[in-house]
Amino acid sequence: MKKVKMNVQTMYHGELLRAGKVYEVEETTADRWIASKLAEKAEEK
């Protein structure tokens, strides 16, 4: 699992993911979203 900050609003597995919020998604999905600029990698604290 990887944390991403969404740049757009989208649906993922029936859940609404809002732009500007941080979510944890599967690593392969996160990598695709980051590559296509739908999301950016969240800062690890």
C-alpha atoms as a PDB file:
ATOM      1  CA  MET A   1       0.000   0.000   0.000  1.00  0.00           C
ATOM      2  CA  LYS A   2       1.133   3.510  -0.822  1.00  0.00           C
ATOM      3  CA  LYS A   3      -0.154   6.913   0.296  1.00  0.00           C
ATOM      4  CA  VAL A   4      -1.056   9.413  -2.400  1.00  0.00           C
ATOM      5  CA  LYS A   5      -2.456  12.940  -2.420  1.00  0.00           C
ATOM      6  CA  MET A   6      -5.163  13.207  -5.043  1.00  0.00           C
ATOM      7  CA  ASN A   7      -5.056  15.955  -7.710  1.00  0.00           C
ATOM      8  CA  VAL A   8      -8.549  15.065  -8.993  1.00  0.00           C
ATOM      9  CA  GLN A   9     -11.765  13.626  -7.595  1.00  0.00           C
ATOM     10  CA  THR A  10     -12.447  10.012  -8.553  1.00  0.00           C
ATOM     11  CA  MET A  11     -14.203   6.827  -7.511  1.00  0.00           C
ATOM     12  CA  TYR A  12     -12.077   3.880  -6.376  1.00  0.00           C
ATOM     13  CA  HIS A  13     -13.656   0.586  -5.257  1.00  0.00           C
ATOM     14  CA  GLY A  14     -16.956   2.360  -4.582  1.00  0.00           C
ATOM     15  CA  GLU A  15     -15.297   5.047  -2.437  1.00  0.00           C
ATOM     16  CA  LEU A  16     -15.201   8.727  -3.391  1.00  0.00           C
ATOM     17  CA  LEU A  17     -11.646  10.073  -3.304  1.00  0.00           C
ATOM     18  CA  ARG A  18     -11.540  13.867  -3.181  1.00  0.00           C
ATOM     19  CA  ALA A  19      -8.874  16.172  -4.614  1.00  0.00           C
ATOM     20  CA  GLY A  20      -6.370  17.482  -2.064  1.00  0.00           C
ATOM     21  CA  LYS A  21      -6.849  14.641   0.418  1.00  0.00           C
ATOM     22  CA  VAL A  22      -4.437  11.793   1.204  1.00  0.00           C
ATOM     23  CA  TYR A  23      -5.498   8.178   0.689  1.00  0.00           C
ATOM     24  CA  GLU A  24      -3.817   4.791   0.900  1.00  0.00           C
ATOM     25  CA  VAL A  25      -4.219   2.666  -2.242  1.00  0.00           C
ATOM     26  CA  GLU A  26      -2.575  -0.387  -3.793  1.00  0.00           C
ATOM     27  CA  GLU A  27       1.007   0.213  -4.906  1.00  0.00           C
ATOM     28  CA  THR A  28       0.431  -0.536  -8.624  1.00  0.00           C
ATOM     29  CA  THR A  29      -2.595   1.764  -8.716  1.00  0.00           C
ATOM     30  CA  ALA A  30      -0.685   4.514  -6.914  1.00  0.00           C
ATOM     31  CA  ASP A  31       2.197   4.261  -9.399  1.00  0.00           C
ATOM     32  CA  ARG A  32      -0.208   4.556 -12.371  1.00  0.00           C
ATOM     33  CA  TRP A  33      -1.980   7.568 -10.845  1.00  0.00           C
ATOM     34  CA  ILE A  34       1.322   9.312 -10.076  1.00  0.00           C
ATOM     35  CA  ALA A  35       2.607   8.675 -13.619  1.00  0.00           C
ATOM     36  CA  SER A  36      -0.587  10.087 -15.159  1.00  0.00           C
ATOM     37  CA  LYS A  37      -0.659  13.098 -12.781  1.00  0.00           C
ATOM     38  CA  LEU A  38      -3.968  12.066 -11.168  1.00  0.00           C
ATOM     39  CA  ALA A  39      -2.162  12.024  -7.820  1.00  0.00           C
ATOM     40  CA  GLU A  40       1.180  12.776  -6.255  1.00  0.00           C
ATOM     41  CA  LYS A  41       3.157  10.834  -3.680  1.00  0.00           C
ATOM     42  CA  ALA A  42       2.166  11.802  -0.144  1.00  0.00           C
ATOM     43  CA  GLU A  43       4.872  12.974   2.240  1.00  0.00           C
ATOM     44  CA  GLU A  44       5.847  10.306   4.759  1.00  0.00           C
ATOM     45  CA  LYS A  45       5.840  11.616   8.321  1.00  0.00           C
END
